[in-house]
């Protein structure tokens, strides 16, 4: 018997590339540019309300050390 010729293989249909269901969002473009940083106002030098006290001047000088009593000869 005549061998049946192989039926022509149906050409595989080209698979349709799956469209990305979620299109990659564009890189988030910041619609609002960053606000310019507020320039720091130059701090006004505050006058010292409390003047620095002078270094504590000891009004009382240290008492002289008691002289050792001379031993009686």
PDB file of N, CA and C in Angstrom:
ATOM      1  N   UNK A   1       0.839  -1.233   0.000  1.00  0.00           N
ATOM      2  CA  UNK A   1       0.000   0.000   0.000  1.00  0.00           C
ATOM      3  C   UNK A   1       0.852   1.254   0.000  1.00  0.00           C
ATOM      4  N   UNK A   2       0.341   2.205  -0.683  1.00  0.00           N
ATOM      5  CA  UNK A   2       1.107   3.452  -0.767  1.00  0.00           C
ATOM      6  C   UNK A   2       1.144   4.103   0.610  1.00  0.00           C
ATOM      7  N   UNK A   3       2.402   4.458   1.053  1.00  0.00           N
ATOM      8  CA  UNK A   3       2.430   5.142   2.376  1.00  0.00           C
ATOM      9  C   UNK A   3       1.779   6.508   2.251  1.00  0.00           C
ATOM     10  N   UNK A   4       0.989   6.763   3.191  1.00  0.00           N
ATOM     11  CA  UNK A   4       0.316   8.058   3.139  1.00  0.00           C
ATOM     12  C   UNK A   4       1.365   9.151   3.270  1.00  0.00           C
ATOM     13  N   UNK A   5       1.368  10.122   2.372  1.00  0.00           N
ATOM     14  CA  UNK A   5       2.374  11.192   2.525  1.00  0.00           C
ATOM     15  C   UNK A   5       2.080  11.967   3.806  1.00  0.00           C
ATOM     16  N   UNK A   6       3.169  12.317   4.438  1.00  0.00           N
ATOM     17  CA  UNK A   6       2.948  13.063   5.687  1.00  0.00           C
ATOM     18  C   UNK A   6       2.189  14.331   5.358  1.00  0.00           C
ATOM     19  N   UNK A   7       1.147  14.568   6.087  1.00  0.00           N
ATOM     20  CA  UNK A   7       0.439  15.832   5.799  1.00  0.00           C
ATOM     21  C   UNK A   7       1.359  16.999   6.096  1.00  0.00           C
ATOM     22  N   UNK A   8       1.226  18.005   5.263  1.00  0.00           N
ATOM     23  CA  UNK A   8       2.074  19.169   5.464  1.00  0.00           C
ATOM     24  C   UNK A   8       1.823  19.716   6.854  1.00  0.00           C
ATOM     25  N   UNK A   9       2.955  19.879   7.558  1.00  0.00           N
ATOM     26  CA  UNK A   9       2.807  20.432   8.903  1.00  0.00           C
ATOM     27  C   UNK A   9       2.282  21.854   8.777  1.00  0.00           C
ATOM     28  N   UNK A  10       1.258  22.094   9.511  1.00  0.00           N
ATOM     29  CA  UNK A  10       0.743  23.453   9.481  1.00  0.00           C
ATOM     30  C   UNK A  10       1.825  24.369  10.061  1.00  0.00           C
ATOM     31  N   UNK A  11       2.135  25.427   9.382  1.00  0.00           N
ATOM     32  CA  UNK A  11       3.174  26.300   9.954  1.00  0.00           C
ATOM     33  C   UNK A  11       2.662  26.887  11.260  1.00  0.00           C
ATOM     34  N   UNK A  12       3.543  26.861  12.240  1.00  0.00           N
ATOM     35  CA  UNK A  12       3.110  27.401  13.534  1.00  0.00           C
ATOM     36  C   UNK A  12       2.807  28.875  13.348  1.00  0.00           C
ATOM     37  N   UNK A  13       1.643  29.286  13.768  1.00  0.00           N
ATOM     38  CA  UNK A  13       1.386  30.734  13.636  1.00  0.00           C
ATOM     39  C   UNK A  13       2.337  31.493  14.562  1.00  0.00           C
ATOM     40  N   UNK A  14       2.793  32.584  14.062  1.00  0.00           N
ATOM     41  CA  UNK A  14       3.701  33.376  14.887  1.00  0.00           C
ATOM     42  C   UNK A  14       2.960  33.782  16.153  1.00  0.00           C
ATOM     43  N   UNK A  15       3.532  33.456  17.315  1.00  0.00           N
ATOM     44  CA  UNK A  15       2.791  33.844  18.526  1.00  0.00           C
ATOM     45  C   UNK A  15       2.789  35.357  18.644  1.00  0.00           C
ATOM     46  N   UNK A  16       1.628  35.823  18.867  1.00  0.00           N
ATOM     47  CA  UNK A  16       1.531  37.267  19.011  1.00  0.00           C
ATOM     48  C   UNK A  16       2.251  37.647  20.303  1.00  0.00           C
ATOM     49  N   UNK A  17       3.125  38.632  20.254  1.00  0.00           N
ATOM     50  CA  UNK A  17       3.800  39.012  21.501  1.00  0.00           C
ATOM     51  C   UNK A  17       2.771  39.571  22.474  1.00  0.00           C
ATOM     52  N   UNK A  18       2.808  39.034  23.667  1.00  0.00           N
ATOM     53  CA  UNK A  18       1.800  39.486  24.620  1.00  0.00           C
ATOM     54  C   UNK A  18       2.026  40.955  24.907  1.00  0.00           C
ATOM     55  N   UNK A  19       1.021  41.750  24.615  1.00  0.00           N
ATOM     56  CA  UNK A  19       1.223  43.167  24.979  1.00  0.00           C
ATOM     57  C   UNK A  19       1.269  43.263  26.498  1.00  0.00           C
ATOM     58  N   UNK A  20       2.165  44.068  26.984  1.00  0.00           N
ATOM     59  CA  UNK A  20       2.251  44.177  28.436  1.00  0.00           C
ATOM     60  C   UNK A  20       0.939  44.741  28.932  1.00  0.00           C
ATOM     61  N   UNK A  21       0.219  43.982  29.756  1.00  0.00           N
ATOM     62  CA  UNK A  21      -1.053  44.547  30.217  1.00  0.00           C
ATOM     63  C   UNK A  21      -0.812  45.818  31.006  1.00  0.00           C
ATOM     64  N   UNK A  22       0.285  45.805  31.775  1.00  0.00           N
ATOM     65  CA  UNK A  22       0.593  47.024  32.536  1.00  0.00           C
ATOM     66  C   UNK A  22       1.776  47.660  31.837  1.00  0.00           C
ATOM     67  N   UNK A  23       1.480  48.720  31.149  1.00  0.00           N
ATOM     68  CA  UNK A  23       2.594  49.371  30.476  1.00  0.00           C
ATOM     69  C   UNK A  23       3.478  49.973  31.555  1.00  0.00           C
ATOM     70  N   UNK A  24       4.754  49.803  31.351  1.00  0.00           N
ATOM     71  CA  UNK A  24       5.671  50.312  32.372  1.00  0.00           C
ATOM     72  C   UNK A  24       5.448  51.805  32.509  1.00  0.00           C
ATOM     73  N   UNK A  25       5.133  52.230  33.714  1.00  0.00           N
ATOM     74  CA  UNK A  25       4.915  53.689  33.836  1.00  0.00           C
ATOM     75  C   UNK A  25       6.217  54.408  33.564  1.00  0.00           C
ATOM     76  N   UNK A  26       6.064  55.531  32.961  1.00  0.00           N
ATOM     77  CA  UNK A  26       7.260  56.313  32.698  1.00  0.00           C
ATOM     78  C   UNK A  26       7.915  56.638  34.035  1.00  0.00           C
ATOM     79  N   UNK A  27       9.190  56.841  33.948  1.00  0.00           N
ATOM     80  CA  UNK A  27       9.877  57.234  35.173  1.00  0.00           C
ATOM     81  C   UNK A  27       9.140  58.449  35.713  1.00  0.00           C
ATOM     82  N   UNK A  28       8.821  58.370  36.971  1.00  0.00           N
ATOM     83  CA  UNK A  28       7.981  59.435  37.535  1.00  0.00           C
ATOM     84  C   UNK A  28       8.659  60.762  37.294  1.00  0.00           C
ATOM     85  N   UNK A  29       8.067  61.521  36.415  1.00  0.00           N
ATOM     86  CA  UNK A  29       8.630  62.847  36.203  1.00  0.00           C
ATOM     87  C   UNK A  29       8.020  63.747  37.255  1.00  0.00           C
ATOM     88  N   UNK A  30       8.859  64.406  37.986  1.00  0.00           N
ATOM     89  CA  UNK A  30       8.336  65.258  39.050  1.00  0.00           C
ATOM     90  C   UNK A  30       7.711  66.474  38.390  1.00  0.00           C
ATOM     91  N   UNK A  31       6.385  66.545  38.409  1.00  0.00           N
ATOM     92  CA  UNK A  31       5.792  67.709  37.721  1.00  0.00           C
ATOM     93  C   UNK A  31       6.152  68.986  38.447  1.00  0.00           C
ATOM     94  N   UNK A  32       6.168  68.921  39.775  1.00  0.00           N
ATOM     95  CA  UNK A  32       6.559  70.137  40.491  1.00  0.00           C
ATOM     96  C   UNK A  32       8.050  70.068  40.749  1.00  0.00           C
ATOM     97  N   UNK A  33       8.796  71.010  40.229  1.00  0.00           N
ATOM     98  CA  UNK A  33      10.218  70.985  40.573  1.00  0.00           C
ATOM     99  C   UNK A  33      10.361  71.265  42.051  1.00  0.00           C
ATOM    100  N   UNK A  34      11.422  70.761  42.609  1.00  0.00           N
ATOM    101  CA  UNK A  34      11.608  70.962  44.038  1.00  0.00           C
ATOM    102  C   UNK A  34      11.628  72.453  44.308  1.00  0.00           C
ATOM    103  N   UNK A  35      10.863  72.848  45.297  1.00  0.00           N
ATOM    104  CA  UNK A  35      10.877  74.300  45.569  1.00  0.00           C
ATOM    105  C   UNK A  35      12.273  74.711  45.979  1.00  0.00           C
ATOM    106  N   UNK A  36      12.629  75.897  45.581  1.00  0.00           N
ATOM    107  CA  UNK A  36      13.944  76.382  45.950  1.00  0.00           C
ATOM    108  C   UNK A  36      14.011  76.429  47.455  1.00  0.00           C
ATOM    109  N   UNK A  37      15.113  75.982  48.015  1.00  0.00           N
ATOM    110  CA  UNK A  37      15.160  76.040  49.478  1.00  0.00           C
ATOM    111  C   UNK A  37      15.122  77.482  49.925  1.00  0.00           C
ATOM    112  N   UNK A  38      14.385  77.690  50.962  1.00  0.00           N
ATOM    113  CA  UNK A  38      14.270  79.060  51.451  1.00  0.00           C
ATOM    114  C   UNK A  38      15.653  79.501  51.896  1.00  0.00           C
ATOM    115  N   UNK A  39      16.110  80.632  51.415  1.00  0.00           N
ATOM    116  CA  UNK A  39      17.442  81.037  51.867  1.00  0.00           C
ATOM    117  C   UNK A  39      17.376  81.333  53.350  1.00  0.00           C
ATOM    118  N   UNK A  40      18.314  80.763  54.062  1.00  0.00           N
ATOM    119  CA  UNK A  40      18.293  80.984  55.498  1.00  0.00           C
ATOM    120  C   UNK A  40      18.558  82.459  55.748  1.00  0.00           C
ATOM    121  N   UNK A  41      17.682  83.096  56.469  1.00  0.00           N
ATOM    122  CA  UNK A  41      17.975  84.513  56.749  1.00  0.00           C
ATOM    123  C   UNK A  41      19.231  84.588  57.607  1.00  0.00           C
ATOM    124  N   UNK A  42      20.035  85.560  57.312  1.00  0.00           N
ATOM    125  CA  UNK A  42      21.252  85.695  58.101  1.00  0.00           C
ATOM    126  C   UNK A  42      20.847  85.946  59.542  1.00  0.00           C
ATOM    127  N   UNK A  43      21.313  85.110  60.450  1.00  0.00           N
ATOM    128  CA  UNK A  43      20.869  85.325  61.833  1.00  0.00           C
ATOM    129  C   UNK A  43      21.463  86.611  62.361  1.00  0.00           C
ATOM    130  N   UNK A  44      20.585  87.443  62.866  1.00  0.00           N
ATOM    131  CA  UNK A  44      21.071  88.677  63.449  1.00  0.00           C
ATOM    132  C   UNK A  44      21.782  88.327  64.739  1.00  0.00           C
ATOM    133  N   UNK A  45      22.989  88.789  64.915  1.00  0.00           N
ATOM    134  CA  UNK A  45      23.661  88.422  66.165  1.00  0.00           C
ATOM    135  C   UNK A  45      22.917  89.048  67.337  1.00  0.00           C
ATOM    136  N   UNK A  46      22.408  88.185  68.158  1.00  0.00           N
ATOM    137  CA  UNK A  46      21.657  88.705  69.296  1.00  0.00           C
ATOM    138  C   UNK A  46      22.647  89.275  70.298  1.00  0.00           C
ATOM    139  N   UNK A  47      22.394  90.494  70.771  1.00  0.00           N
ATOM    140  CA  UNK A  47      23.296  90.983  71.826  1.00  0.00           C
ATOM    141  C   UNK A  47      23.106  90.125  73.056  1.00  0.00           C
ATOM    142  N   UNK A  48      24.167  89.805  73.705  1.00  0.00           N
ATOM    143  CA  UNK A  48      24.048  88.941  74.861  1.00  0.00           C
ATOM    144  C   UNK A  48      23.235  89.668  75.913  1.00  0.00           C
ATOM    145  N   UNK A  49      22.066  89.121  76.259  1.00  0.00           N
ATOM    146  CA  UNK A  49      21.279  89.848  77.265  1.00  0.00           C
ATOM    147  C   UNK A  49      22.008  89.852  78.607  1.00  0.00           C
ATOM    148  N   UNK A  50      22.688  88.742  78.905  1.00  0.00           N
ATOM    149  CA  UNK A  50      23.404  88.690  80.177  1.00  0.00           C
ATOM    150  C   UNK A  50      24.878  88.857  79.856  1.00  0.00           C
ATOM    151  N   UNK A  51      25.454  89.963  80.243  1.00  0.00           N
ATOM    152  CA  UNK A  51      26.884  90.074  79.944  1.00  0.00           C
ATOM    153  C   UNK A  51      27.637  89.005  80.711  1.00  0.00           C
ATOM    154  N   UNK A  52      28.671  88.516  80.091  1.00  0.00           N
ATOM    155  CA  UNK A  52      29.424  87.453  80.743  1.00  0.00           C
ATOM    156  C   UNK A  52      29.967  88.004  82.043  1.00  0.00           C
ATOM    157  N   UNK A  53      29.661  87.333  83.130  1.00  0.00           N
ATOM    158  CA  UNK A  53      30.206  87.870  84.389  1.00  0.00           C
ATOM    159  C   UNK A  53      31.718  87.760  84.371  1.00  0.00           C
ATOM    160  N   UNK A  54      32.318  88.695  85.017  1.00  0.00           N
ATOM    161  CA  UNK A  54      33.776  88.644  85.117  1.00  0.00           C
ATOM    162  C   UNK A  54      34.144  87.364  85.843  1.00  0.00           C
ATOM    163  N   UNK A  55      35.321  86.873  85.584  1.00  0.00           N
ATOM    164  CA  UNK A  55      35.706  85.670  86.333  1.00  0.00           C
ATOM    165  C   UNK A  55      35.609  85.999  87.812  1.00  0.00           C
ATOM    166  N   UNK A  56      35.109  85.031  88.514  1.00  0.00           N
ATOM    167  CA  UNK A  56      34.834  85.312  89.918  1.00  0.00           C
ATOM    168  C   UNK A  56      36.118  85.780  90.580  1.00  0.00           C
ATOM    169  N   UNK A  57      36.085  87.054  90.914  1.00  0.00           N
ATOM    170  CA  UNK A  57      37.252  87.536  91.659  1.00  0.00           C
ATOM    171  C   UNK A  57      36.984  87.242  93.120  1.00  0.00           C
ATOM    172  N   UNK A  58      37.883  86.562  93.735  1.00  0.00           N
ATOM    173  CA  UNK A  58      37.647  86.185  95.126  1.00  0.00           C
ATOM    174  C   UNK A  58      37.806  87.443  95.969  1.00  0.00           C
ATOM    175  N   UNK A  59      36.711  87.925  96.464  1.00  0.00           N
ATOM    176  CA  UNK A  59      36.878  89.162  97.256  1.00  0.00           C
ATOM    177  C   UNK A  59      37.704  88.893  98.515  1.00  0.00           C
ATOM    178  N   UNK A  60      37.456  87.739  99.114  1.00  0.00           N
ATOM    179  CA  UNK A  60      38.269  87.449 100.305  1.00  0.00           C
ATOM    180  C   UNK A  60      39.472  86.637  99.864  1.00  0.00           C
ATOM    181  N   UNK A  61      40.679  87.129 100.094  1.00  0.00           N
ATOM    182  CA  UNK A  61      41.820  86.277  99.776  1.00  0.00           C
ATOM    183  C   UNK A  61      41.832  85.100 100.722  1.00  0.00           C
ATOM    184  N   UNK A  62      42.415  84.055 100.246  1.00  0.00           N
ATOM    185  CA  UNK A  62      42.451  82.866 101.087  1.00  0.00           C
ATOM    186  C   UNK A  62      43.136  83.230 102.387  1.00  0.00           C
ATOM    187  N   UNK A  63      42.559  82.824 103.481  1.00  0.00           N
ATOM    188  CA  UNK A  63      43.227  83.191 104.750  1.00  0.00           C
ATOM    189  C   UNK A  63      44.606  82.568 104.803  1.00  0.00           C
ATOM    190  N   UNK A  64      45.480  83.322 105.382  1.00  0.00           N
ATOM    191  CA  UNK A  64      46.841  82.814 105.495  1.00  0.00           C
ATOM    192  C   UNK A  64      46.809  81.557 106.340  1.00  0.00           C
ATOM    193  N   UNK A  65      47.626  80.581 105.980  1.00  0.00           N
ATOM    194  CA  UNK A  65      47.610  79.382 106.810  1.00  0.00           C
ATOM    195  C   UNK A  65      48.107  79.741 108.206  1.00  0.00           C
ATOM    196  N   UNK A  66      47.504  79.125 109.134  1.00  0.00           N
ATOM    197  CA  UNK A  66      47.896  79.458 110.508  1.00  0.00           C
ATOM    198  C   UNK A  66      49.354  79.092 110.678  1.00  0.00           C
ATOM    199  N   UNK A  67      50.172  80.020 111.177  1.00  0.00           N
ATOM    200  CA  UNK A  67      51.576  79.647 111.363  1.00  0.00           C
ATOM    201  C   UNK A  67      51.699  78.598 112.455  1.00  0.00           C
ATOM    202  N   UNK A  68      52.515  77.663 112.188  1.00  0.00           N
ATOM    203  CA  UNK A  68      52.693  76.615 113.190  1.00  0.00           C
ATOM    204  C   UNK A  68      53.311  77.257 114.424  1.00  0.00           C
ATOM    205  N   UNK A  69      52.739  76.976 115.569  1.00  0.00           N
ATOM    206  CA  UNK A  69      53.351  77.588 116.772  1.00  0.00           C
ATOM    207  C   UNK A  69      54.754  77.016 116.966  1.00  0.00           C
ATOM    208  N   UNK A  70      55.620  77.929 117.243  1.00  0.00           N
ATOM    209  CA  UNK A  70      57.005  77.478 117.451  1.00  0.00           C
ATOM    210  C   UNK A  70      57.042  76.616 118.698  1.00  0.00           C
ATOM    211  N   UNK A  71      57.659  75.448 118.603  1.00  0.00           N
ATOM    212  CA  UNK A  71      57.724  74.632 119.826  1.00  0.00           C
ATOM    213  C   UNK A  71      58.572  75.342 120.871  1.00  0.00           C
ATOM    214  N   UNK A  72      58.090  75.355 122.033  1.00  0.00           N
ATOM    215  CA  UNK A  72      58.837  76.036 123.106  1.00  0.00           C
ATOM    216  C   UNK A  72      60.104  75.246 123.372  1.00  0.00           C
ATOM    217  N   UNK A  73      61.218  75.921 123.449  1.00  0.00           N
ATOM    218  CA  UNK A  73      62.459  75.162 123.708  1.00  0.00           C
ATOM    219  C   UNK A  73      62.441  74.563 125.127  1.00  0.00           C
TER     220      UNK A  73
END
